[in-house]
Amino acid sequence: MANGAFQLVPQRFGKDIGIMTGIIGAAGGLGGTALIKPLGWSKDAFDGYSASFMIFASVVLVAIMGISLVKTRWRTTWGIAAGGRI
């Protein structure tokens, strides 16, 4: 799935490819390290990982809601009508 995201970057951000690749890489690195602390906290506090997985699930739901709010604008500014390649 990550490879698909990197393949879409040049199509959407052709002029800013270096910046966007850096942002995506940083987000992946942050996500990989951000999992460690909450999982450890949950294990120490509750003797299990359920609390941290619930936190992660809520973050994902907020992200899905955010994407749903901007998807119409995204599609109208990047599509065949706007000269984008699909």
C-alpha atoms as a PDB file:
ATOM      1  CA  MET A   1       0.000   0.000   0.000  1.00  0.00           C
ATOM      2  CA  ALA A   2       2.864   2.394   0.758  1.00  0.00           C
ATOM      3  CA  ASN A   3       4.291   1.809  -2.726  1.00  0.00           C
ATOM      4  CA  GLY A   4       0.936   2.855  -4.194  1.00  0.00           C
ATOM      5  CA  ALA A   5       1.065   6.082  -2.189  1.00  0.00           C
ATOM      6  CA  PHE A   6       4.556   6.880  -3.452  1.00  0.00           C
ATOM      7  CA  GLN A   7       3.406   6.239  -7.012  1.00  0.00           C
ATOM      8  CA  LEU A   8       0.590   8.769  -6.653  1.00  0.00           C
ATOM      9  CA  VAL A   9       2.825  11.520  -5.275  1.00  0.00           C
ATOM     10  CA  PRO A  10       4.370  12.577  -8.623  1.00  0.00           C
ATOM     11  CA  GLN A  11       0.958  12.711 -10.239  1.00  0.00           C
ATOM     12  CA  ARG A  12      -0.522  15.007  -7.596  1.00  0.00           C
ATOM     13  CA  PHE A  13       2.560  16.991  -6.547  1.00  0.00           C
ATOM     14  CA  GLY A  14       4.749  17.025  -9.639  1.00  0.00           C
ATOM     15  CA  LYS A  15       6.495  20.297  -8.797  1.00  0.00           C
ATOM     16  CA  ASP A  16       6.996  19.476  -5.111  1.00  0.00           C
ATOM     17  CA  ILE A  17       8.068  15.843  -5.371  1.00  0.00           C
ATOM     18  CA  GLY A  18      11.087  16.169  -3.079  1.00  0.00           C
ATOM     19  CA  ILE A  19       9.163  17.953  -0.346  1.00  0.00           C
ATOM     20  CA  MET A  20       6.256  15.531  -0.437  1.00  0.00           C
ATOM     21  CA  THR A  21       8.487  12.463  -0.410  1.00  0.00           C
ATOM     22  CA  GLY A  22      10.247  13.865   2.650  1.00  0.00           C
ATOM     23  CA  ILE A  23       6.948  14.546   4.424  1.00  0.00           C
ATOM     24  CA  ILE A  24       5.647  11.054   3.672  1.00  0.00           C
ATOM     25  CA  GLY A  25       8.895   9.467   4.853  1.00  0.00           C
ATOM     26  CA  ALA A  26       8.856  11.534   8.043  1.00  0.00           C
ATOM     27  CA  ALA A  27       5.248  10.566   8.731  1.00  0.00           C
ATOM     28  CA  GLY A  28       6.163   6.898   8.337  1.00  0.00           C
ATOM     29  CA  GLY A  29       9.120   7.241  10.679  1.00  0.00           C
ATOM     30  CA  LEU A  30       7.035   9.104  13.236  1.00  0.00           C
ATOM     31  CA  GLY A  31       4.297   6.494  13.009  1.00  0.00           C
ATOM     32  CA  GLY A  32       6.792   3.703  13.524  1.00  0.00           C
ATOM     33  CA  THR A  33       8.259   5.247  16.635  1.00  0.00           C
ATOM     34  CA  ALA A  34       4.983   6.652  17.981  1.00  0.00           C
ATOM     35  CA  LEU A  35       3.655   3.124  18.474  1.00  0.00           C
ATOM     36  CA  ILE A  36       6.314   2.158  21.003  1.00  0.00           C
ATOM     37  CA  LYS A  37       5.508   4.610  23.799  1.00  0.00           C
ATOM     38  CA  PRO A  38       1.705   4.088  23.988  1.00  0.00           C
ATOM     39  CA  LEU A  39       2.053   0.315  23.766  1.00  0.00           C
ATOM     40  CA  GLY A  40       4.526   0.315  26.643  1.00  0.00           C
ATOM     41  CA  TRP A  41       2.340   2.663  28.677  1.00  0.00           C
ATOM     42  CA  SER A  42      -0.717   0.504  28.101  1.00  0.00           C
ATOM     43  CA  LYS A  43       1.141  -2.654  29.090  1.00  0.00           C
ATOM     44  CA  ASP A  44       2.416  -1.066  32.326  1.00  0.00           C
ATOM     45  CA  ALA A  45      -0.843   0.644  33.294  1.00  0.00           C
ATOM     46  CA  PHE A  46      -3.394  -1.999  32.332  1.00  0.00           C
ATOM     47  CA  ASP A  47      -1.323  -5.177  31.900  1.00  0.00           C
ATOM     48  CA  GLY A  48      -2.375  -5.376  28.277  1.00  0.00           C
ATOM     49  CA  TYR A  49      -2.350  -3.525  24.984  1.00  0.00           C
ATOM     50  CA  SER A  50      -6.091  -2.901  24.585  1.00  0.00           C
ATOM     51  CA  ALA A  51      -6.034   0.744  25.708  1.00  0.00           C
ATOM     52  CA  SER A  52      -3.388   1.764  23.193  1.00  0.00           C
ATOM     53  CA  PHE A  53      -5.146  -0.047  20.364  1.00  0.00           C
ATOM     54  CA  MET A  54      -8.348   1.812  21.246  1.00  0.00           C
ATOM     55  CA  ILE A  55      -6.416   5.093  21.089  1.00  0.00           C
ATOM     56  CA  PHE A  56      -4.969   4.150  17.709  1.00  0.00           C
ATOM     57  CA  ALA A  57      -8.431   3.159  16.447  1.00  0.00           C
ATOM     58  CA  SER A  58      -9.839   6.541  17.463  1.00  0.00           C
ATOM     59  CA  VAL A  59      -6.979   8.340  15.686  1.00  0.00           C
ATOM     60  CA  VAL A  60      -7.720   6.334  12.541  1.00  0.00           C
ATOM     61  CA  LEU A  61     -11.422   7.238  12.748  1.00  0.00           C
ATOM     62  CA  VAL A  62     -10.556  10.936  13.061  1.00  0.00           C
ATOM     63  CA  ALA A  63      -8.255  10.622  10.037  1.00  0.00           C
ATOM     64  CA  ILE A  64     -10.988   8.921   8.006  1.00  0.00           C
ATOM     65  CA  MET A  65     -13.425  11.691   8.904  1.00  0.00           C
ATOM     66  CA  GLY A  66     -10.865  14.302   7.875  1.00  0.00           C
ATOM     67  CA  ILE A  67     -10.242  12.624   4.544  1.00  0.00           C
ATOM     68  CA  SER A  68     -13.981  12.350   3.950  1.00  0.00           C
ATOM     69  CA  LEU A  69     -14.314  16.100   4.421  1.00  0.00           C
ATOM     70  CA  VAL A  70     -11.685  16.965   1.803  1.00  0.00           C
ATOM     71  CA  LYS A  71     -12.180  14.193  -0.743  1.00  0.00           C
ATOM     72  CA  THR A  72     -14.615  16.150  -2.896  1.00  0.00           C
ATOM     73  CA  ARG A  73     -12.229  19.097  -3.156  1.00  0.00           C
ATOM     74  CA  TRP A  74      -9.356  16.709  -3.817  1.00  0.00           C
ATOM     75  CA  ARG A  75     -11.207  15.036  -6.662  1.00  0.00           C
ATOM     76  CA  THR A  76     -12.208  18.320  -8.299  1.00  0.00           C
ATOM     77  CA  THR A  77      -8.691  19.768  -8.137  1.00  0.00           C
ATOM     78  CA  TRP A  78      -6.986  16.582  -9.260  1.00  0.00           C
ATOM     79  CA  GLY A  79      -8.678  14.594 -11.931  1.00  0.00           C
ATOM     80  CA  ILE A  80      -9.116  14.398 -15.652  1.00  0.00           C
ATOM     81  CA  ALA A  81     -11.066  17.678 -15.656  1.00  0.00           C
ATOM     82  CA  ALA A  82      -8.101  19.434 -13.977  1.00  0.00           C
ATOM     83  CA  GLY A  83      -5.574  17.836 -16.324  1.00  0.00           C
ATOM     84  CA  GLY A  84      -4.403  15.162 -13.902  1.00  0.00           C
ATOM     85  CA  ARG A  85      -3.387  11.676 -14.955  1.00  0.00           C
ATOM     86  CA  ILE A  86      -5.165   8.712 -13.437  1.00  0.00           C
END
